[in-house]
Amino acid sequence: MVISRIKSIIGPLKYRFGTSPDPFLQGLSGVVHVGANVGQERNLYQSYGLKVLWIEPIPSVFAELQRNIQAYSKQSACQALVTDVDGQSYQFNIANNKGASSSILPFKKHKDIWPEVDYTTTVTMTGVTLDSLFKQQQIKASNYQALIMDTQGTELLVLKGGLTVLKHFQYIKTEVPDFEAYEGCCQLTEMDDFMTAQGYEEFSRTSFASRAEGGSYFDVVYRRRAA
């Protein structure tokens, strides 16, 4: 969520670090975007003609998301907190940048890059796995060839709770740091190891923000290895 918001502000800076990570969308018919925020990428997805399933947990942000995608007939949204355990209660921290940096994890070194971002309130939410959400909502996984995640340090939890639907995705794009941005968050080496074990290889990596003390945030796209 946070990086979607920040990208809309500092988008041109991204290209100083690398090339756009989005051309992999060419030729796909659908994407699932977990951590939607207000759907900042809706025009991008529309330009590729994609069917989009947005997933966002914060009620007020979800309401804005729904308004933002009303004009896009191929885009729909679900309100859910996606984790690796069904029915578990979490204290969800809502951030002051319109919810963009919100997470179930406390901040750690995130403030080294964005010192102005703070949590303003905490609400109790119940998690659901991606596998269960697809089953509950009768979502046909084969309609989507890419999974895009922006969940503020919990991306690996999303993946671990979606092992059944994971096999349908040709590409998986995630933001991930190589430092502890949030307490206990997934870091780049851990993500690489998991994705390799699941049959994926790195397709592209783009750095878009860095700490003065060392460490960066990346958009990483993984592609399923040929059988």
Protein backbone atom coordinates (compact mmCIF):
# COMPACT_ATOMS: atom_id res chain seq x y z
CA MET A 1 0.00 0.00 0.00
CA VAL A 2 2.66 2.54 1.00
CA ILE A 3 4.77 2.13 -2.11
CA SER A 4 1.79 2.53 -4.40
CA ARG A 5 1.17 5.88 -2.75
CA ILE A 6 4.82 6.90 -2.79
CA LYS A 7 5.27 5.83 -6.40
CA SER A 8 2.47 8.20 -7.39
CA ILE A 9 4.51 11.00 -5.82
CA ILE A 10 8.08 10.08 -6.78
CA GLY A 11 7.46 7.94 -9.84
CA PRO A 12 10.17 9.53 -12.04
CA LEU A 13 12.84 8.85 -9.40
CA LYS A 14 12.30 5.13 -9.81
CA TYR A 15 13.89 5.13 -13.23
CA ARG A 16 17.17 6.42 -11.81
CA PHE A 17 17.59 3.02 -10.19
CA GLY A 18 16.37 0.72 -12.94
CA THR A 19 13.86 0.13 -15.66
CA SER A 20 10.12 -0.18 -15.24
CA PRO A 21 9.12 -3.57 -13.76
CA ASP A 22 5.73 -3.62 -15.48
CA PRO A 23 6.26 -4.81 -19.11
CA PHE A 24 5.70 -8.40 -17.93
CA LEU A 25 2.00 -7.51 -17.92
CA GLN A 26 1.99 -7.48 -21.70
CA GLY A 27 0.08 -10.48 -23.02
CA LEU A 28 -1.57 -11.39 -19.70
CA SER A 29 -5.33 -11.32 -19.23
CA GLY A 30 -5.67 -10.84 -15.46
CA VAL A 31 -3.91 -9.81 -12.26
CA VAL A 32 -4.64 -10.08 -8.55
CA HIS A 33 -3.37 -7.09 -6.56
CA VAL A 34 -3.14 -7.64 -2.80
CA GLY A 35 -2.66 -4.42 -0.84
CA ALA A 36 -4.62 -2.27 -3.25
CA ASN A 37 -4.79 1.00 -1.30
CA VAL A 38 -6.96 3.21 -3.56
CA GLY A 39 -6.04 1.50 -6.83
CA GLN A 40 -3.29 3.84 -8.01
CA GLU A 41 -2.35 1.40 -10.79
CA ARG A 42 -5.87 1.19 -12.24
CA ASN A 43 -4.98 3.21 -15.35
CA LEU A 44 -1.85 1.13 -15.93
CA TYR A 45 -3.85 -2.09 -15.72
CA GLN A 46 -6.53 -0.61 -17.95
CA SER A 47 -3.87 0.21 -20.57
CA TYR A 48 -2.97 -3.49 -20.71
CA GLY A 49 -6.63 -4.51 -20.94
CA LEU A 50 -6.38 -6.56 -17.75
CA LYS A 51 -9.06 -8.14 -15.64
CA VAL A 52 -8.15 -7.03 -12.10
CA LEU A 53 -9.05 -8.28 -8.64
CA TRP A 54 -8.08 -5.71 -6.01
CA ILE A 55 -7.83 -6.75 -2.33
CA GLU A 56 -7.69 -4.09 0.41
CA PRO A 57 -8.35 -4.43 4.19
CA ILE A 58 -9.04 -0.87 5.47
CA PRO A 59 -12.78 -0.03 5.22
CA SER A 60 -12.41 3.69 4.42
CA VAL A 61 -9.65 3.05 1.90
CA PHE A 62 -11.64 0.21 0.36
CA ALA A 63 -14.59 2.56 -0.12
CA GLU A 64 -12.36 5.00 -2.02
CA LEU A 65 -10.96 2.13 -4.06
CA GLN A 66 -14.45 1.10 -5.09
CA ARG A 67 -15.22 4.64 -6.20
CA ASN A 68 -11.98 4.83 -8.16
CA ILE A 69 -12.61 1.68 -10.17
CA GLN A 70 -16.30 2.23 -10.92
CA ALA A 71 -15.52 3.26 -14.49
CA TYR A 72 -13.41 0.14 -15.15
CA SER A 73 -15.66 -2.72 -16.14
CA LYS A 74 -12.93 -5.35 -15.86
CA GLN A 75 -11.85 -4.36 -12.34
CA SER A 76 -13.43 -5.53 -9.08
CA ALA A 77 -12.46 -5.45 -5.40
CA CYS A 78 -12.67 -7.51 -2.19
CA GLN A 79 -12.23 -6.18 1.32
CA ALA A 80 -9.94 -8.57 3.22
CA LEU A 81 -6.77 -8.80 5.27
CA VAL A 82 -4.79 -11.55 3.55
CA THR A 83 -2.36 -13.51 5.77
CA ASP A 84 -1.22 -17.10 6.20
CA VAL A 85 -3.81 -18.19 8.79
CA ASP A 86 -7.59 -18.22 8.51
CA GLY A 87 -9.56 -16.64 11.33
CA GLN A 88 -6.63 -15.26 13.30
CA SER A 89 -7.11 -11.85 14.94
CA TYR A 90 -4.54 -9.13 14.24
CA GLN A 91 -3.91 -5.62 15.51
CA PHE A 92 -3.77 -3.70 12.24
CA ASN A 93 -1.85 -0.41 12.41
CA ILE A 94 -3.22 2.38 10.22
CA ALA A 95 -0.74 4.98 9.00
CA ASN A 96 -1.11 8.73 8.56
CA ASN A 97 -0.38 8.71 4.81
CA LYS A 98 -3.97 7.83 3.90
CA GLY A 99 -3.38 4.28 5.10
CA ALA A 100 -0.62 3.59 2.59
CA SER A 101 1.99 2.36 5.10
CA SER A 102 -0.48 0.38 7.20
CA SER A 103 0.56 -3.07 8.41
CA ILE A 104 0.08 -5.70 11.08
CA LEU A 105 3.82 -5.22 11.78
CA PRO A 106 5.40 -2.40 13.83
CA PHE A 107 7.77 0.01 12.09
CA LYS A 108 11.49 -0.70 12.38
CA LYS A 109 13.84 1.06 9.92
CA HIS A 110 11.04 2.25 7.66
CA LYS A 111 11.41 5.70 9.23
CA ASP A 112 14.98 5.96 7.96
CA ILE A 113 13.45 6.58 4.53
CA TRP A 114 10.06 8.05 5.45
CA PRO A 115 10.41 9.72 8.89
CA GLU A 116 7.13 11.58 8.50
CA VAL A 117 5.08 8.37 8.43
CA ASP A 118 3.49 7.27 11.72
CA TYR A 119 0.71 5.01 12.90
CA THR A 120 -2.30 6.96 14.13
CA THR A 121 -4.69 4.20 15.17
CA THR A 122 -4.94 0.45 15.54
CA VAL A 123 -7.96 -1.69 14.71
CA THR A 124 -8.64 -5.38 15.18
CA MET A 125 -8.97 -7.37 11.95
CA THR A 126 -9.38 -11.03 11.14
CA GLY A 127 -7.08 -12.57 8.57
CA VAL A 128 -7.96 -14.86 5.70
CA THR A 129 -5.69 -16.86 3.43
CA LEU A 130 -5.63 -16.25 -0.29
CA ASP A 131 -6.71 -19.85 -0.86
CA SER A 132 -9.75 -19.43 1.38
CA LEU A 133 -10.67 -16.04 -0.05
CA PHE A 134 -10.71 -17.45 -3.58
CA LYS A 135 -12.91 -20.32 -2.42
CA GLN A 136 -15.28 -18.10 -0.41
CA GLN A 137 -15.70 -15.57 -3.22
CA GLN A 138 -15.84 -18.28 -5.92
CA ILE A 139 -12.95 -16.63 -7.74
CA LYS A 140 -11.64 -18.58 -10.70
CA ALA A 141 -7.86 -18.56 -10.24
CA SER A 142 -7.19 -19.47 -13.86
CA ASN A 143 -8.49 -16.03 -14.90
CA TYR A 144 -5.37 -14.45 -13.42
CA GLN A 145 -1.79 -15.02 -14.53
CA ALA A 146 -0.08 -12.55 -12.20
CA LEU A 147 -0.09 -11.80 -8.49
CA ILE A 148 1.04 -8.36 -7.34
CA MET A 149 1.65 -7.70 -3.64
CA ASP A 150 2.12 -4.51 -1.63
CA THR A 151 1.32 -5.47 1.96
CA GLN A 152 4.03 -3.77 4.00
CA GLY A 153 6.25 -6.62 5.12
CA THR A 154 3.73 -9.47 5.09
CA GLU A 155 4.09 -10.51 1.46
CA LEU A 156 5.54 -13.87 2.41
CA LEU A 157 2.51 -14.56 4.61
CA VAL A 158 0.27 -13.88 1.61
CA LEU A 159 2.22 -16.42 -0.44
CA LYS A 160 2.27 -19.08 2.28
CA GLY A 161 -1.50 -18.82 2.57
CA GLY A 162 -1.99 -19.16 -1.17
CA LEU A 163 -0.07 -22.27 -2.14
CA THR A 164 -3.07 -23.78 -3.92
CA VAL A 165 -3.78 -20.79 -6.16
CA LEU A 166 -0.08 -19.99 -6.55
CA LYS A 167 0.28 -22.57 -9.30
CA HIS A 168 -1.93 -20.47 -11.58
CA PHE A 169 0.36 -17.45 -11.55
CA GLN A 170 2.96 -17.13 -14.26
CA TYR A 171 4.38 -13.98 -12.68
CA ILE A 172 4.55 -12.68 -9.12
CA LYS A 173 5.55 -9.10 -8.44
CA THR A 174 6.33 -7.96 -4.90
CA GLU A 175 7.87 -5.03 -3.16
CA VAL A 176 10.49 -6.20 -0.69
CA PRO A 177 13.37 -4.58 1.21
CA ASP A 178 16.80 -6.02 1.92
CA PHE A 179 16.66 -4.58 5.46
CA GLU A 180 14.20 -4.76 8.37
CA ALA A 181 11.81 -1.99 7.37
CA TYR A 182 9.07 -3.44 9.60
CA GLU A 183 9.74 -5.65 12.62
CA GLY A 184 10.01 -9.22 11.44
CA CYS A 185 9.18 -8.36 7.83
CA CYS A 186 10.12 -10.51 4.89
CA GLN A 187 13.45 -9.48 3.36
CA LEU A 188 14.85 -10.02 -0.11
CA THR A 189 16.95 -13.12 0.56
CA GLU A 190 14.05 -14.83 2.33
CA MET A 191 11.71 -14.00 -0.55
CA ASP A 192 14.23 -15.26 -3.10
CA ASP A 193 14.59 -18.57 -1.24
CA PHE A 194 10.84 -19.09 -1.00
CA MET A 195 10.19 -18.25 -4.63
CA THR A 196 12.97 -20.55 -5.81
CA ALA A 197 11.47 -23.38 -3.76
CA GLN A 198 8.08 -22.72 -5.38
CA GLY A 199 9.49 -22.99 -8.89
CA TYR A 200 10.04 -19.33 -9.74
CA GLU A 201 13.09 -17.40 -10.90
CA GLU A 202 13.85 -13.70 -10.74
CA PHE A 203 12.70 -11.91 -13.90
CA SER A 204 13.50 -8.29 -12.97
CA ARG A 205 14.52 -6.20 -9.98
CA THR A 206 14.08 -2.43 -9.64
CA SER A 207 15.30 -0.36 -6.69
CA PHE A 208 13.08 2.63 -5.91
CA ALA A 209 14.10 3.83 -2.42
CA SER A 210 17.24 3.55 -0.29
CA ARG A 211 18.46 4.22 3.25
CA ALA A 212 21.47 6.49 3.74
CA GLU A 213 22.84 3.84 6.12
CA GLY A 214 22.46 1.11 3.52
CA GLY A 215 19.61 -1.04 2.33
CA SER A 216 16.99 -0.56 -0.37
CA TYR A 217 13.40 -1.26 -1.31
CA PHE A 218 12.85 -3.20 -4.52
CA ASP A 219 10.10 -4.14 -6.91
CA VAL A 220 10.96 -7.72 -7.83
CA VAL A 221 9.18 -9.72 -10.51
CA TYR A 222 9.47 -13.51 -10.42
CA ARG A 223 8.59 -15.74 -13.35
CA ARG A 224 7.59 -19.39 -13.13
CA ARG A 225 10.36 -21.59 -14.48
CA ALA A 226 9.58 -23.68 -17.52
CA ALA A 227 8.78 -27.27 -16.64
